[in-house]
PDB file of N, CA and C in Angstrom:
ATOM      1  N   MET A   1      45.497   1.079  26.253  1.00  0.00           N
ATOM      2  CA  MET A   1      44.589   2.193  26.533  1.00  0.00           C
ATOM      3  C   MET A   1      45.248   3.090  27.557  1.00  0.00           C
ATOM      4  N   LYS A   2      45.192   4.358  27.293  1.00  0.00           N
ATOM      5  CA  LYS A   2      45.794   5.340  28.180  1.00  0.00           C
ATOM      6  C   LYS A   2      44.794   6.477  28.404  1.00  0.00           C
ATOM      7  N   THR A   3      44.694   6.929  29.644  1.00  0.00           N
ATOM      8  CA  THR A   3      43.841   8.076  29.948  1.00  0.00           C
ATOM      9  C   THR A   3      44.637   9.102  30.732  1.00  0.00           C
ATOM     10  N   SER A   4      44.181  10.339  30.668  1.00  0.00           N
ATOM     11  CA  SER A   4      44.744  11.382  31.527  1.00  0.00           C
ATOM     12  C   SER A   4      43.616  12.343  31.875  1.00  0.00           C
ATOM     13  N   PHE A   5      43.739  12.957  33.033  1.00  0.00           N
ATOM     14  CA  PHE A   5      42.703  13.840  33.562  1.00  0.00           C
ATOM     15  C   PHE A   5      43.298  15.211  33.822  1.00  0.00           C
ATOM     16  N   GLU A   6      42.512  16.245  33.547  1.00  0.00           N
ATOM     17  CA  GLU A   6      42.910  17.599  33.908  1.00  0.00           C
ATOM     18  C   GLU A   6      41.664  18.429  34.196  1.00  0.00           C
ATOM     19  N   GLU A   7      41.842  19.445  34.989  1.00  0.00           N
ATOM     20  CA  GLU A   7      40.787  20.430  35.197  1.00  0.00           C
ATOM     21  C   GLU A   7      41.182  21.648  34.396  1.00  0.00           C
ATOM     22  N   LYS A   8      40.311  22.059  33.483  1.00  0.00           N
ATOM     23  CA  LYS A   8      40.643  23.151  32.574  1.00  0.00           C
ATOM     24  C   LYS A   8      39.442  24.082  32.453  1.00  0.00           C
ATOM     25  N   ASP A   9      39.656  25.344  32.749  1.00  0.00           N
ATOM     26  CA  ASP A   9      38.590  26.351  32.646  1.00  0.00           C
ATOM     27  C   ASP A   9      37.335  25.950  33.412  1.00  0.00           C
ATOM     28  N   GLY A  10      37.510  25.348  34.586  1.00  0.00           N
ATOM     29  CA  GLY A  10      36.389  24.949  35.421  1.00  0.00           C
ATOM     30  C   GLY A  10      35.699  23.674  34.984  1.00  0.00           C
ATOM     31  N   LYS A  11      36.238  23.006  33.976  1.00  0.00           N
ATOM     32  CA  LYS A  11      35.657  21.756  33.488  1.00  0.00           C
ATOM     33  C   LYS A  11      36.617  20.612  33.768  1.00  0.00           C
ATOM     34  N   TYR A  12      36.052  19.427  33.923  1.00  0.00           N
ATOM     35  CA  TYR A  12      36.854  18.218  34.054  1.00  0.00           C
ATOM     36  C   TYR A  12      37.027  17.618  32.657  1.00  0.00           C
ATOM     37  N   VAL A  13      38.272  17.362  32.290  1.00  0.00           N
ATOM     38  CA  VAL A  13      38.565  16.816  30.963  1.00  0.00           C
ATOM     39  C   VAL A  13      39.289  15.486  31.129  1.00  0.00           C
ATOM     40  N   MET A  14      38.743  14.448  30.493  1.00  0.00           N
ATOM     41  CA  MET A  14      39.390  13.138  30.470  1.00  0.00           C
ATOM     42  C   MET A  14      39.793  12.863  29.027  1.00  0.00           C
ATOM     43  N   HIS A  15      41.089  12.609  28.836  1.00  0.00           N
ATOM     44  CA  HIS A  15      41.628  12.303  27.515  1.00  0.00           C
ATOM     45  C   HIS A  15      41.774  10.789  27.382  1.00  0.00           C
ATOM     46  N   PHE A  16      41.364  10.269  26.238  1.00  0.00           N
ATOM     47  CA  PHE A  16      41.455   8.835  25.958  1.00  0.00           C
ATOM     48  C   PHE A  16      42.380   8.621  24.769  1.00  0.00           C
ATOM     49  N   GLU A  17      43.233   7.585  24.880  1.00  0.00           N
ATOM     50  CA  GLU A  17      44.156   7.282  23.795  1.00  0.00           C
ATOM     51  C   GLU A  17      44.243   5.766  23.614  1.00  0.00           C
ATOM     52  N   GLY A  18      44.036   5.306  22.381  1.00  0.00           N
ATOM     53  CA  GLY A  18      44.136   3.880  22.103  1.00  0.00           C
ATOM     54  C   GLY A  18      42.783   3.244  21.870  1.00  0.00           C
ATOM     55  N   ARG A  19      42.626   2.027  22.400  1.00  0.00           N
ATOM     56  CA  ARG A  19      41.415   1.232  22.195  1.00  0.00           C
ATOM     57  C   ARG A  19      40.707   1.002  23.527  1.00  0.00           C
ATOM     58  N   LEU A  20      39.489   1.487  23.619  1.00  0.00           N
ATOM     59  CA  LEU A  20      38.687   1.266  24.825  1.00  0.00           C
ATOM     60  C   LEU A  20      37.822   0.033  24.582  1.00  0.00           C
ATOM     61  N   ASP A  21      38.451  -1.126  24.774  1.00  0.00           N
ATOM     62  CA  ASP A  21      37.766  -2.397  24.558  1.00  0.00           C
ATOM     63  C   ASP A  21      37.465  -3.046  25.904  1.00  0.00           C
ATOM     64  N   THR A  22      36.941  -4.253  25.870  1.00  0.00           N
ATOM     65  CA  THR A  22      36.565  -4.945  27.100  1.00  0.00           C
ATOM     66  C   THR A  22      37.758  -5.122  28.025  1.00  0.00           C
ATOM     67  N   ALA A  23      38.900  -5.471  27.480  1.00  0.00           N
ATOM     68  CA  ALA A  23      40.091  -5.685  28.300  1.00  0.00           C
ATOM     69  C   ALA A  23      40.536  -4.408  29.006  1.00  0.00           C
ATOM     70  N   ALA A  24      40.386  -3.280  28.359  1.00  0.00           N
ATOM     71  CA  ALA A  24      40.827  -2.003  28.933  1.00  0.00           C
ATOM     72  C   ALA A  24      39.766  -1.352  29.820  1.00  0.00           C
ATOM     73  N   SER A  25      38.536  -1.832  29.755  1.00  0.00           N
ATOM     74  CA  SER A  25      37.446  -1.127  30.436  1.00  0.00           C
ATOM     75  C   SER A  25      37.538  -1.171  31.959  1.00  0.00           C
ATOM     76  N   VAL A  26      38.086  -2.233  32.528  1.00  0.00           N
ATOM     77  CA  VAL A  26      38.167  -2.325  33.993  1.00  0.00           C
ATOM     78  C   VAL A  26      39.091  -1.228  34.541  1.00  0.00           C
ATOM     79  N   GLN A  27      40.270  -1.103  33.959  1.00  0.00           N
ATOM     80  CA  GLN A  27      41.220  -0.076  34.401  1.00  0.00           C
ATOM     81  C   GLN A  27      40.680   1.325  34.092  1.00  0.00           C
ATOM     82  N   THR A  28      40.097   1.486  32.918  1.00  0.00           N
ATOM     83  CA  THR A  28      39.564   2.786  32.524  1.00  0.00           C
ATOM     84  C   THR A  28      38.435   3.214  33.455  1.00  0.00           C
ATOM     85  N   GLU A  29      37.614   2.271  33.871  1.00  0.00           N
ATOM     86  CA  GLU A  29      36.529   2.577  34.812  1.00  0.00           C
ATOM     87  C   GLU A  29      37.095   3.152  36.110  1.00  0.00           C
ATOM     88  N   GLN A  30      38.163   2.577  36.606  1.00  0.00           N
ATOM     89  CA  GLN A  30      38.805   3.082  37.821  1.00  0.00           C
ATOM     90  C   GLN A  30      39.338   4.497  37.605  1.00  0.00           C
ATOM     91  N   GLU A  31      39.959   4.716  36.455  1.00  0.00           N
ATOM     92  CA  GLU A  31      40.534   6.028  36.152  1.00  0.00           C
ATOM     93  C   GLU A  31      39.456   7.096  35.956  1.00  0.00           C
ATOM     94  N   MET A  32      38.270   6.688  35.519  1.00  0.00           N
ATOM     95  CA  MET A  32      37.183   7.644  35.303  1.00  0.00           C
ATOM     96  C   MET A  32      36.451   8.013  36.582  1.00  0.00           C
ATOM     97  N   LYS A  33      36.698   7.309  37.673  1.00  0.00           N
ATOM     98  CA  LYS A  33      35.986   7.596  38.934  1.00  0.00           C
ATOM     99  C   LYS A  33      36.200   9.027  39.408  1.00  0.00           C
ATOM    100  N   VAL A  34      37.333   9.625  39.059  1.00  0.00           N
ATOM    101  CA  VAL A  34      37.591  11.015  39.438  1.00  0.00           C
ATOM    102  C   VAL A  34      36.516  11.939  38.856  1.00  0.00           C
ATOM    103  N   LEU A  35      35.923  11.555  37.747  1.00  0.00           N
ATOM    104  CA  LEU A  35      34.881  12.365  37.110  1.00  0.00           C
ATOM    105  C   LEU A  35      33.550  12.300  37.854  1.00  0.00           C
ATOM    106  N   HIS A  36      33.377  11.308  38.698  1.00  0.00           N
ATOM    107  CA  HIS A  36      32.109  11.143  39.418  1.00  0.00           C
ATOM    108  C   HIS A  36      31.921  12.211  40.496  1.00  0.00           C
ATOM    109  N   ASN A  37      32.987  12.897  40.864  1.00  0.00           N
ATOM    110  CA  ASN A  37      32.904  14.008  41.821  1.00  0.00           C
ATOM    111  C   ASN A  37      32.782  15.317  41.054  1.00  0.00           C
ATOM    112  N   CYS A  38      31.828  15.379  40.138  1.00  0.00           N
ATOM    113  CA  CYS A  38      31.767  16.465  39.164  1.00  0.00           C
ATOM    114  C   CYS A  38      30.845  17.614  39.555  1.00  0.00           C
ATOM    115  N   GLU A  39      30.229  17.541  40.702  1.00  0.00           N
ATOM    116  CA  GLU A  39      29.260  18.571  41.061  1.00  0.00           C
ATOM    117  C   GLU A  39      29.869  19.964  40.879  1.00  0.00           C
ATOM    118  N   GLY A  40      29.195  20.778  40.066  1.00  0.00           N
ATOM    119  CA  GLY A  40      29.695  22.118  39.788  1.00  0.00           C
ATOM    120  C   GLY A  40      30.660  22.180  38.612  1.00  0.00           C
ATOM    121  N   HIS A  41      30.939  21.037  37.997  1.00  0.00           N
ATOM    122  CA  HIS A  41      31.862  20.984  36.860  1.00  0.00           C
ATOM    123  C   HIS A  41      31.229  20.199  35.715  1.00  0.00           C
ATOM    124  N   ASP A  42      31.301  20.757  34.528  1.00  0.00           N
ATOM    125  CA  ASP A  42      30.907  19.986  33.362  1.00  0.00           C
ATOM    126  C   ASP A  42      32.084  19.116  32.945  1.00  0.00           C
ATOM    127  N   ILE A  43      31.815  18.091  32.154  1.00  0.00           N
ATOM    128  CA  ILE A  43      32.820  17.095  31.796  1.00  0.00           C
ATOM    129  C   ILE A  43      32.986  17.056  30.285  1.00  0.00           C
ATOM    130  N   ILE A  44      34.230  16.982  29.851  1.00  0.00           N
ATOM    131  CA  ILE A  44      34.545  16.784  28.443  1.00  0.00           C
ATOM    132  C   ILE A  44      35.304  15.469  28.316  1.00  0.00           C
ATOM    133  N   LEU A  45      34.796  14.579  27.488  1.00  0.00           N
ATOM    134  CA  LEU A  45      35.469  13.327  27.173  1.00  0.00           C
ATOM    135  C   LEU A  45      36.181  13.534  25.842  1.00  0.00           C
ATOM    136  N   ASP A  46      37.500  13.716  25.899  1.00  0.00           N
ATOM    137  CA  ASP A  46      38.302  14.011  24.711  1.00  0.00           C
ATOM    138  C   ASP A  46      38.698  12.709  24.026  1.00  0.00           C
ATOM    139  N   CYS A  47      38.079  12.451  22.887  1.00  0.00           N
ATOM    140  CA  CYS A  47      38.282  11.195  22.156  1.00  0.00           C
ATOM    141  C   CYS A  47      39.153  11.380  20.916  1.00  0.00           C
ATOM    142  N   GLU A  48      39.881  12.469  20.852  1.00  0.00           N
ATOM    143  CA  GLU A  48      40.690  12.756  19.666  1.00  0.00           C
ATOM    144  C   GLU A  48      41.671  11.626  19.344  1.00  0.00           C
ATOM    145  N   LYS A  49      42.222  10.987  20.370  1.00  0.00           N
ATOM    146  CA  LYS A  49      43.204   9.923  20.152  1.00  0.00           C
ATOM    147  C   LYS A  49      42.633   8.536  20.455  1.00  0.00           C
ATOM    148  N   LEU A  50      41.313   8.463  20.580  1.00  0.00           N
ATOM    149  CA  LEU A  50      40.656   7.182  20.813  1.00  0.00           C
ATOM    150  C   LEU A  50      40.387   6.521  19.468  1.00  0.00           C
ATOM    151  N   ASP A  51      40.941   5.329  19.277  1.00  0.00           N
ATOM    152  CA  ASP A  51      40.833   4.627  18.001  1.00  0.00           C
ATOM    153  C   ASP A  51      39.592   3.754  17.907  1.00  0.00           C
ATOM    154  N   TYR A  52      39.126   3.254  19.049  1.00  0.00           N
ATOM    155  CA  TYR A  52      38.057   2.251  19.048  1.00  0.00           C
ATOM    156  C   TYR A  52      37.350   2.284  20.388  1.00  0.00           C
ATOM    157  N   ILE A  53      36.034   2.034  20.361  1.00  0.00           N
ATOM    158  CA  ILE A  53      35.281   1.893  21.605  1.00  0.00           C
ATOM    159  C   ILE A  53      34.330   0.704  21.468  1.00  0.00           C
ATOM    160  N   SER A  54      34.354  -0.172  22.457  1.00  0.00           N
ATOM    161  CA  SER A  54      33.479  -1.351  22.466  1.00  0.00           C
ATOM    162  C   SER A  54      32.226  -1.046  23.278  1.00  0.00           C
ATOM    163  N   SER A  55      31.344  -2.025  23.371  1.00  0.00           N
ATOM    164  CA  SER A  55      30.143  -1.852  24.181  1.00  0.00           C
ATOM    165  C   SER A  55      30.505  -1.619  25.650  1.00  0.00           C
ATOM    166  N   SER A  56      31.609  -2.198  26.105  1.00  0.00           N
ATOM    167  CA  SER A  56      32.059  -1.966  27.488  1.00  0.00           C
ATOM    168  C   SER A  56      32.457  -0.507  27.690  1.00  0.00           C
ATOM    169  N   GLY A  57      33.105   0.068  26.703  1.00  0.00           N
ATOM    170  CA  GLY A  57      33.476   1.480  26.772  1.00  0.00           C
ATOM    171  C   GLY A  57      32.257   2.379  26.729  1.00  0.00           C
ATOM    172  N   LEU A  58      31.303   2.037  25.874  1.00  0.00           N
ATOM    173  CA  LEU A  58      30.068   2.813  25.807  1.00  0.00           C
ATOM    174  C   LEU A  58      29.328   2.769  27.140  1.00  0.00           C
ATOM    175  N   ARG A  59      29.361   1.618  27.790  1.00  0.00           N
ATOM    176  CA  ARG A  59      28.719   1.478  29.095  1.00  0.00           C
ATOM    177  C   ARG A  59      29.350   2.444  30.106  1.00  0.00           C
ATOM    178  N   LEU A  60      30.685   2.601  30.065  1.00  0.00           N
ATOM    179  CA  LEU A  60      31.362   3.530  30.972  1.00  0.00           C
ATOM    180  C   LEU A  60      30.918   4.967  30.718  1.00  0.00           C
ATOM    181  N   PHE A  61      30.806   5.338  29.449  1.00  0.00           N
ATOM    182  CA  PHE A  61      30.365   6.688  29.104  1.00  0.00           C
ATOM    183  C   PHE A  61      28.937   6.919  29.592  1.00  0.00           C
ATOM    184  N   LEU A  62      28.065   5.927  29.397  1.00  0.00           N
ATOM    185  CA  LEU A  62      26.668   6.059  29.807  1.00  0.00           C
ATOM    186  C   LEU A  62      26.542   6.149  31.329  1.00  0.00           C
ATOM    187  N   ALA A  63      27.305   5.339  32.049  1.00  0.00           N
ATOM    188  CA  ALA A  63      27.273   5.385  33.515  1.00  0.00           C
ATOM    189  C   ALA A  63      27.722   6.755  34.012  1.00  0.00           C
ATOM    190  N   LEU A  64      28.744   7.315  33.396  1.00  0.00           N
ATOM    191  CA  LEU A  64      29.217   8.646  33.773  1.00  0.00           C
ATOM    192  C   LEU A  64      28.148   9.695  33.491  1.00  0.00           C
ATOM    193  N   LEU A  65      27.488   9.580  32.352  1.00  0.00           N
ATOM    194  CA  LEU A  65      26.428  10.526  32.004  1.00  0.00           C
ATOM    195  C   LEU A  65      25.331  10.532  33.055  1.00  0.00           C
ATOM    196  N   LYS A  66      24.931   9.362  33.526  1.00  0.00           N
ATOM    197  CA  LYS A  66      23.885   9.266  34.548  1.00  0.00           C
ATOM    198  C   LYS A  66      24.321   9.942  35.850  1.00  0.00           C
ATOM    199  N   VAL A  67      25.557   9.699  36.268  1.00  0.00           N
ATOM    200  CA  VAL A  67      26.074  10.319  37.487  1.00  0.00           C
ATOM    201  C   VAL A  67      26.129  11.834  37.330  1.00  0.00           C
ATOM    202  N   ALA A  68      26.666  12.285  36.202  1.00  0.00           N
ATOM    203  CA  ALA A  68      26.826  13.723  35.975  1.00  0.00           C
ATOM    204  C   ALA A  68      25.477  14.437  35.957  1.00  0.00           C
ATOM    205  N   LYS A  69      24.517  13.872  35.264  1.00  0.00           N
ATOM    206  CA  LYS A  69      23.191  14.499  35.196  1.00  0.00           C
ATOM    207  C   LYS A  69      22.558  14.598  36.574  1.00  0.00           C
ATOM    208  N   SER A  70      22.753  13.574  37.389  1.00  0.00           N
ATOM    209  CA  SER A  70      22.168  13.603  38.728  1.00  0.00           C
ATOM    210  C   SER A  70      22.793  14.688  39.600  1.00  0.00           C
ATOM    211  N   LYS A  71      23.979  15.158  39.218  1.00  0.00           N
ATOM    212  CA  LYS A  71      24.673  16.203  39.976  1.00  0.00           C
ATOM    213  C   LYS A  71      24.598  17.561  39.292  1.00  0.00           C
ATOM    214  N   GLY A  72      23.780  17.647  38.231  1.00  0.00           N
ATOM    215  CA  GLY A  72      23.592  18.913  37.539  1.00  0.00           C
ATOM    216  C   GLY A  72      24.704  19.268  36.569  1.00  0.00           C
ATOM    217  N   SER A  73      25.527  18.310  36.202  1.00  0.00           N
ATOM    218  CA  SER A  73      26.620  18.547  35.263  1.00  0.00           C
ATOM    219  C   SER A  73      26.253  17.982  33.899  1.00  0.00           C
ATOM    220  N   LYS A  74      26.912  18.471  32.872  1.00  0.00           N
ATOM    221  CA  LYS A  74      26.695  17.912  31.546  1.00  0.00           C
ATOM    222  C   LYS A  74      27.986  17.269  31.058  1.00  0.00           C
ATOM    223  N   VAL A  75      27.821  16.331  30.135  1.00  0.00           N
ATOM    224  CA  VAL A  75      28.950  15.595  29.567  1.00  0.00           C
ATOM    225  C   VAL A  75      28.989  15.858  28.072  1.00  0.00           C
ATOM    226  N   CYS A  76      30.130  16.336  27.592  1.00  0.00           N
ATOM    227  CA  CYS A  76      30.337  16.574  26.169  1.00  0.00           C
ATOM    228  C   CYS A  76      31.433  15.642  25.674  1.00  0.00           C
ATOM    229  N   VAL A  77      31.272  15.190  24.439  1.00  0.00           N
ATOM    230  CA  VAL A  77      32.282  14.351  23.801  1.00  0.00           C
ATOM    231  C   VAL A  77      32.946  15.194  22.724  1.00  0.00           C
ATOM    232  N   ALA A  78      34.273  15.175  22.705  1.00  0.00           N
ATOM    233  CA  ALA A  78      35.033  15.993  21.754  1.00  0.00           C
ATOM    234  C   ALA A  78      35.991  15.127  20.944  1.00  0.00           C
ATOM    235  N   GLY A  79      36.294  15.586  19.742  1.00  0.00           N
ATOM    236  CA  GLY A  79      37.350  15.005  18.934  1.00  0.00           C
ATOM    237  C   GLY A  79      37.086  13.628  18.370  1.00  0.00           C
ATOM    238  N   MET A  80      35.842  13.302  18.104  1.00  0.00           N
ATOM    239  CA  MET A  80      35.534  11.956  17.608  1.00  0.00           C
ATOM    240  C   MET A  80      35.899  11.810  16.136  1.00  0.00           C
ATOM    241  N   ASN A  81      36.496  10.657  15.796  1.00  0.00           N
ATOM    242  CA  ASN A  81      36.762  10.350  14.394  1.00  0.00           C
ATOM    243  C   ASN A  81      35.505   9.739  13.772  1.00  0.00           C
ATOM    244  N   ASP A  82      35.556   9.488  12.474  1.00  0.00           N
ATOM    245  CA  ASP A  82      34.372   8.981  11.759  1.00  0.00           C
ATOM    246  C   ASP A  82      33.918   7.613  12.262  1.00  0.00           C
ATOM    247  N   ASN A  83      34.868   6.734  12.606  1.00  0.00           N
ATOM    248  CA  ASN A  83      34.499   5.405  13.108  1.00  0.00           C
ATOM    249  C   ASN A  83      33.741   5.497  14.424  1.00  0.00           C
ATOM    250  N   LEU A  84      34.214   6.350  15.319  1.00  0.00           N
ATOM    251  CA  LEU A  84      33.520   6.523  16.604  1.00  0.00           C
ATOM    252  C   LEU A  84      32.144   7.150  16.395  1.00  0.00           C
ATOM    253  N   ARG A  85      32.062   8.118  15.498  1.00  0.00           N
ATOM    254  CA  ARG A  85      30.759   8.744  15.207  1.00  0.00           C
ATOM    255  C   ARG A  85      29.760   7.700  14.725  1.00  0.00           C
ATOM    256  N   GLN A  86      30.235   6.785  13.912  1.00  0.00           N
ATOM    257  CA  GLN A  86      29.364   5.739  13.382  1.00  0.00           C
ATOM    258  C   GLN A  86      28.860   4.826  14.508  1.00  0.00           C
ATOM    259  N   VAL A  87      29.746   4.465  15.435  1.00  0.00           N
ATOM    260  CA  VAL A  87      29.345   3.626  16.569  1.00  0.00           C
ATOM    261  C   VAL A  87      28.315   4.362  17.433  1.00  0.00           C
ATOM    262  N   PHE A  88      28.570   5.637  17.709  1.00  0.00           N
ATOM    263  CA  PHE A  88      27.638   6.418  18.514  1.00  0.00           C
ATOM    264  C   PHE A  88      26.288   6.551  17.801  1.00  0.00           C
ATOM    265  N   ALA A  89      26.312   6.715  16.487  1.00  0.00           N
ATOM    266  CA  ALA A  89      25.063   6.834  15.729  1.00  0.00           C
ATOM    267  C   ALA A  89      24.286   5.523  15.741  1.00  0.00           C
ATOM    268  N   MET A  90      24.969   4.402  15.528  1.00  0.00           N
ATOM    269  CA  MET A  90      24.296   3.097  15.481  1.00  0.00           C
ATOM    270  C   MET A  90      23.676   2.721  16.821  1.00  0.00           C
ATOM    271  N   THR A  91      24.283   3.166  17.918  1.00  0.00           N
ATOM    272  CA  THR A  91      23.789   2.806  19.246  1.00  0.00           C
ATOM    273  C   THR A  91      22.818   3.830  19.818  1.00  0.00           C
ATOM    274  N   GLY A  92      22.617   4.927  19.110  1.00  0.00           N
ATOM    275  CA  GLY A  92      21.713   5.967  19.588  1.00  0.00           C
ATOM    276  C   GLY A  92      22.357   6.919  20.586  1.00  0.00           C
ATOM    277  N   PHE A  93      23.659   6.781  20.818  1.00  0.00           N
ATOM    278  CA  PHE A  93      24.340   7.642  21.776  1.00  0.00           C
ATOM    279  C   PHE A  93      24.436   9.092  21.294  1.00  0.00           C
ATOM    280  N   THR A  94      24.249   9.320  20.006  1.00  0.00           N
ATOM    281  CA  THR A  94      24.291  10.702  19.507  1.00  0.00           C
ATOM    282  C   THR A  94      23.146  11.528  20.079  1.00  0.00           C
ATOM    283  N   HIS A  95      22.092  10.859  20.537  1.00  0.00           N
ATOM    284  CA  HIS A  95      20.954  11.559  21.129  1.00  0.00           C
ATOM    285  C   HIS A  95      21.122  11.785  22.633  1.00  0.00           C
ATOM    286  N   LEU A  96      22.107  11.140  23.211  1.00  0.00           N
ATOM    287  CA  LEU A  96      22.316  11.229  24.659  1.00  0.00           C
ATOM    288  C   LEU A  96      23.366  12.250  25.061  1.00  0.00           C
ATOM    289  N   PHE A  97      24.389  12.389  24.232  1.00  0.00           N
ATOM    290  CA  PHE A  97      25.530  13.237  24.571  1.00  0.00           C
ATOM    291  C   PHE A  97      25.531  14.514  23.735  1.00  0.00           C
ATOM    292  N   GLU A  98      26.219  15.520  24.265  1.00  0.00           N
ATOM    293  CA  GLU A  98      26.504  16.722  23.489  1.00  0.00           C
ATOM    294  C   GLU A  98      27.883  16.548  22.880  1.00  0.00           C
ATOM    295  N   PHE A  99      28.085  17.145  21.698  1.00  0.00           N
ATOM    296  CA  PHE A  99      29.355  16.994  20.994  1.00  0.00           C
ATOM    297  C   PHE A  99      29.946  18.367  20.732  1.00  0.00           C
ATOM    298  N   VAL A 100      31.244  18.476  20.965  1.00  0.00           N
ATOM    299  CA  VAL A 100      31.955  19.737  20.728  1.00  0.00           C
ATOM    300  C   VAL A 100      33.143  19.497  19.832  1.00  0.00           C
TER     301      VAL A 100
END
């Protein structure tokens, strides 16, 4: 699992690559902490190169959403493949996040 962060057009963008499974979630959680200082910035979770997400990965996305909303920011998910869309649909996450 690989992540990278950038600030682009006033938004915080986190790129995910590989498999966000239980084994990768501890390190990924640490790398996502930069997004928790989002006040005044909306967040884009770029999943274009994300192959898989487990319940641990979904938990990280949900925790970030709660933090962002409390600071007046929104979280958008971008670049999802069909497998990820199916996971988000089955778990009800399609009703929680915005998609671009």
